[in-house]
Amino acid sequence: MTKLINRDAARLNPCIKEQEQSYQCLNKNGFDHAKCEVYFDNYNICKKFWGKVYQDRKSKGLQPYMPNVDDREKIKEEYKKSVRFE
């Protein structure tokens, strides 16, 4: 059986890595959700972060609303600098 590959997946879903990690954890642990909570939390944090970026860019009229794959690492670094951790 061949694996289907969506070549646009990374462009469309900035959390594709976190999503795949949660799927792999479920497969490895017999679909026991309790053993994969860390992966689910990480995925949800990712989705919230990029959802906020999307909304901010949309409200400012910046296009594309979801930044290009090449720009995402820079955006994450800028966010880390702007947030204070206490």
N, C-alpha and C. Protein backbone atom coordinates (compact mmCIF):
# COMPACT_ATOMS: atom_id res chain seq x y z
N MET A 1 0.84 -1.17 0.00
CA MET A 1 0.00 0.00 0.00
C MET A 1 0.89 1.23 0.00
N THR A 2 0.58 2.19 -0.86
CA THR A 2 1.36 3.41 -0.94
C THR A 2 0.74 4.48 -0.06
N LYS A 3 1.58 5.32 0.47
CA LYS A 3 1.12 6.40 1.32
C LYS A 3 0.76 7.59 0.44
N LEU A 4 -0.40 8.16 0.66
CA LEU A 4 -0.80 9.35 -0.08
C LEU A 4 -0.03 10.55 0.45
N ILE A 5 0.46 11.36 -0.45
CA ILE A 5 1.23 12.53 -0.05
C ILE A 5 0.54 13.79 -0.58
N ASN A 6 0.21 14.67 0.30
CA ASN A 6 -0.36 15.96 -0.08
C ASN A 6 0.79 16.96 -0.08
N ARG A 7 1.21 17.33 -1.25
CA ARG A 7 2.37 18.23 -1.38
C ARG A 7 2.10 19.63 -0.85
N ASP A 8 0.84 20.01 -0.72
CA ASP A 8 0.49 21.32 -0.19
C ASP A 8 0.19 21.29 1.30
N ALA A 9 0.34 20.15 1.94
CA ALA A 9 -0.05 20.01 3.35
C ALA A 9 0.69 21.00 4.24
N ALA A 10 1.99 21.13 4.08
CA ALA A 10 2.76 22.05 4.93
C ALA A 10 2.36 23.50 4.68
N ARG A 11 2.02 23.83 3.45
CA ARG A 11 1.61 25.19 3.13
C ARG A 11 0.25 25.50 3.74
N LEU A 12 -0.64 24.53 3.72
CA LEU A 12 -2.00 24.73 4.19
C LEU A 12 -2.14 24.58 5.71
N ASN A 13 -1.31 23.73 6.30
CA ASN A 13 -1.42 23.43 7.72
C ASN A 13 -0.06 23.65 8.39
N PRO A 14 0.10 24.79 9.09
CA PRO A 14 1.38 25.06 9.74
C PRO A 14 1.69 24.10 10.89
N CYS A 15 0.71 23.32 11.30
CA CYS A 15 0.90 22.39 12.43
C CYS A 15 0.94 20.94 11.95
N ILE A 16 1.34 20.72 10.72
CA ILE A 16 1.35 19.37 10.16
C ILE A 16 2.29 18.45 10.95
N LYS A 17 3.42 18.98 11.39
CA LYS A 17 4.37 18.17 12.16
C LYS A 17 3.75 17.71 13.47
N GLU A 18 3.11 18.63 14.19
CA GLU A 18 2.47 18.31 15.47
C GLU A 18 1.31 17.34 15.27
N GLN A 19 0.59 17.50 14.19
CA GLN A 19 -0.52 16.60 13.88
C GLN A 19 0.00 15.19 13.63
N GLU A 20 1.04 15.07 12.84
CA GLU A 20 1.62 13.75 12.55
C GLU A 20 2.18 13.10 13.82
N GLN A 21 2.79 13.90 14.68
CA GLN A 21 3.32 13.35 15.93
C GLN A 21 2.21 12.78 16.80
N SER A 22 1.08 13.47 16.85
CA SER A 22 -0.03 12.96 17.66
C SER A 22 -0.60 11.68 17.06
N TYR A 23 -0.69 11.61 15.73
CA TYR A 23 -1.14 10.38 15.07
C TYR A 23 -0.19 9.22 15.34
N GLN A 24 1.11 9.50 15.26
CA GLN A 24 2.10 8.45 15.51
C GLN A 24 2.02 7.95 16.94
N CYS A 25 1.82 8.87 17.87
CA CYS A 25 1.69 8.47 19.27
C CYS A 25 0.48 7.57 19.45
N LEU A 26 -0.64 7.94 18.86
CA LEU A 26 -1.84 7.10 18.96
C LEU A 26 -1.60 5.71 18.39
N ASN A 27 -0.99 5.66 17.23
CA ASN A 27 -0.70 4.37 16.60
C ASN A 27 0.22 3.52 17.47
N LYS A 28 1.24 4.16 18.03
CA LYS A 28 2.22 3.45 18.85
C LYS A 28 1.63 2.94 20.16
N ASN A 29 0.64 3.66 20.69
CA ASN A 29 0.09 3.35 22.00
C ASN A 29 -1.32 2.76 21.95
N GLY A 30 -1.65 2.12 20.85
CA GLY A 30 -2.94 1.45 20.76
C GLY A 30 -4.13 2.39 20.90
N PHE A 31 -3.98 3.62 20.41
CA PHE A 31 -5.04 4.63 20.43
C PHE A 31 -5.51 4.99 21.85
N ASP A 32 -4.59 4.88 22.80
CA ASP A 32 -4.85 5.30 24.18
C ASP A 32 -4.58 6.80 24.27
N HIS A 33 -5.63 7.58 24.27
CA HIS A 33 -5.51 9.04 24.24
C HIS A 33 -4.78 9.58 25.46
N ALA A 34 -4.92 8.94 26.59
CA ALA A 34 -4.28 9.42 27.82
C ALA A 34 -2.75 9.44 27.68
N LYS A 35 -2.20 8.51 26.92
CA LYS A 35 -0.75 8.45 26.75
C LYS A 35 -0.23 9.50 25.77
N CYS A 36 -1.11 10.17 25.08
CA CYS A 36 -0.69 11.12 24.05
C CYS A 36 -1.11 12.56 24.34
N GLU A 37 -1.52 12.83 25.56
CA GLU A 37 -2.01 14.17 25.90
C GLU A 37 -1.00 15.26 25.61
N VAL A 38 0.27 15.00 25.84
CA VAL A 38 1.30 16.00 25.58
C VAL A 38 1.30 16.38 24.10
N TYR A 39 1.15 15.40 23.24
CA TYR A 39 1.12 15.68 21.80
C TYR A 39 -0.13 16.46 21.41
N PHE A 40 -1.25 16.13 22.01
CA PHE A 40 -2.48 16.86 21.74
C PHE A 40 -2.38 18.31 22.21
N ASP A 41 -1.80 18.50 23.40
CA ASP A 41 -1.62 19.85 23.92
C ASP A 41 -0.72 20.67 23.00
N ASN A 42 0.37 20.05 22.56
CA ASN A 42 1.30 20.74 21.67
C ASN A 42 0.61 21.13 20.36
N TYR A 43 -0.18 20.23 19.82
CA TYR A 43 -0.92 20.49 18.59
C TYR A 43 -1.92 21.64 18.80
N ASN A 44 -2.64 21.62 19.91
CA ASN A 44 -3.61 22.68 20.18
C ASN A 44 -2.95 24.04 20.37
N ILE A 45 -1.80 24.07 21.02
CA ILE A 45 -1.05 25.32 21.18
C ILE A 45 -0.62 25.84 19.81
N CYS A 46 -0.15 24.95 18.98
CA CYS A 46 0.26 25.32 17.63
C CYS A 46 -0.91 25.91 16.84
N LYS A 47 -2.05 25.24 16.89
CA LYS A 47 -3.23 25.71 16.15
C LYS A 47 -3.68 27.09 16.66
N LYS A 48 -3.64 27.29 17.97
CA LYS A 48 -4.04 28.59 18.53
C LYS A 48 -3.07 29.69 18.09
N PHE A 49 -1.79 29.39 18.13
CA PHE A 49 -0.78 30.37 17.73
C PHE A 49 -0.98 30.80 16.28
N TRP A 50 -1.05 29.82 15.37
CA TRP A 50 -1.17 30.16 13.95
C TRP A 50 -2.55 30.72 13.63
N GLY A 51 -3.56 30.37 14.38
CA GLY A 51 -4.87 30.97 14.21
C GLY A 51 -4.82 32.46 14.55
N LYS A 52 -4.09 32.80 15.61
CA LYS A 52 -3.93 34.21 15.99
C LYS A 52 -3.13 34.95 14.93
N VAL A 53 -2.07 34.34 14.44
CA VAL A 53 -1.28 34.97 13.38
C VAL A 53 -2.16 35.24 12.17
N TYR A 54 -2.96 34.25 11.80
CA TYR A 54 -3.87 34.37 10.66
C TYR A 54 -4.83 35.54 10.85
N GLN A 55 -5.47 35.60 12.02
CA GLN A 55 -6.42 36.67 12.31
C GLN A 55 -5.74 38.05 12.32
N ASP A 56 -4.55 38.13 12.92
CA ASP A 56 -3.82 39.40 12.97
C ASP A 56 -3.47 39.88 11.56
N ARG A 57 -2.97 38.98 10.74
CA ARG A 57 -2.60 39.34 9.37
C ARG A 57 -3.84 39.75 8.56
N LYS A 58 -4.92 39.04 8.76
CA LYS A 58 -6.15 39.35 8.04
C LYS A 58 -6.66 40.73 8.44
N SER A 59 -6.64 41.02 9.74
CA SER A 59 -7.14 42.32 10.21
C SER A 59 -6.25 43.47 9.72
N LYS A 60 -4.97 43.20 9.49
CA LYS A 60 -4.04 44.22 8.99
C LYS A 60 -4.01 44.28 7.46
N GLY A 61 -4.72 43.36 6.81
CA GLY A 61 -4.75 43.33 5.35
C GLY A 61 -3.50 42.73 4.73
N LEU A 62 -2.72 42.00 5.51
CA LEU A 62 -1.52 41.36 4.99
C LEU A 62 -1.90 40.05 4.30
N GLN A 63 -1.39 39.86 3.10
CA GLN A 63 -1.68 38.62 2.38
C GLN A 63 -0.39 37.94 2.01
N PRO A 64 -0.32 36.66 1.99
CA PRO A 64 -1.41 35.75 2.36
C PRO A 64 -1.65 35.79 3.86
N TYR A 65 -2.88 35.47 4.24
CA TYR A 65 -3.22 35.51 5.66
C TYR A 65 -2.38 34.52 6.46
N MET A 66 -2.16 33.35 5.90
CA MET A 66 -1.27 32.38 6.53
C MET A 66 0.09 32.57 5.87
N PRO A 67 1.10 32.94 6.66
CA PRO A 67 2.42 33.21 6.07
C PRO A 67 2.96 32.01 5.30
N ASN A 68 3.80 32.31 4.33
CA ASN A 68 4.45 31.26 3.56
C ASN A 68 5.32 30.41 4.48
N VAL A 69 5.54 29.18 4.09
CA VAL A 69 6.31 28.23 4.90
C VAL A 69 7.68 28.82 5.24
N ASP A 70 8.32 29.47 4.29
CA ASP A 70 9.66 30.02 4.51
C ASP A 70 9.69 31.14 5.54
N ASP A 71 8.57 31.81 5.76
CA ASP A 71 8.51 32.95 6.68
C ASP A 71 8.11 32.56 8.09
N ARG A 72 7.65 31.36 8.29
CA ARG A 72 7.06 30.97 9.58
C ARG A 72 8.06 30.92 10.72
N GLU A 73 9.26 30.45 10.46
CA GLU A 73 10.27 30.38 11.52
C GLU A 73 10.61 31.78 12.03
N LYS A 74 10.72 32.73 11.11
CA LYS A 74 11.01 34.12 11.48
C LYS A 74 9.88 34.69 12.34
N ILE A 75 8.65 34.39 11.98
CA ILE A 75 7.49 34.88 12.74
C ILE A 75 7.50 34.29 14.15
N LYS A 76 7.82 33.01 14.27
CA LYS A 76 7.89 32.40 15.61
C LYS A 76 8.98 33.05 16.45
N GLU A 77 10.13 33.34 15.85
CA GLU A 77 11.23 33.98 16.59
C GLU A 77 10.83 35.38 17.05
N GLU A 78 10.15 36.14 16.19
CA GLU A 78 9.70 37.48 16.57
C GLU A 78 8.70 37.41 17.73
N TYR A 79 7.84 36.41 17.69
CA TYR A 79 6.86 36.24 18.76
C TYR A 79 7.56 35.94 20.08
N LYS A 80 8.55 35.06 20.04
CA LYS A 80 9.29 34.71 21.27
C LYS A 80 9.94 35.94 21.89
N LYS A 81 10.44 36.84 21.06
CA LYS A 81 11.09 38.06 21.56
C LYS A 81 10.08 39.03 22.16
N SER A 82 8.85 39.02 21.65
CA SER A 82 7.86 39.99 22.11
C SER A 82 7.10 39.55 23.35
N VAL A 83 7.21 38.27 23.72
CA VAL A 83 6.46 37.75 24.86
C VAL A 83 7.39 37.64 26.07
N ARG A 84 6.89 38.13 27.18
CA ARG A 84 7.66 38.03 28.43
C ARG A 84 7.26 36.78 29.17
N PHE A 85 8.23 36.01 29.59
CA PHE A 85 7.98 34.81 30.38
C PHE A 85 8.32 35.12 31.83
N GLU A 86 7.39 34.83 32.70
CA GLU A 86 7.62 35.14 34.12
C GLU A 86 7.54 33.90 34.94
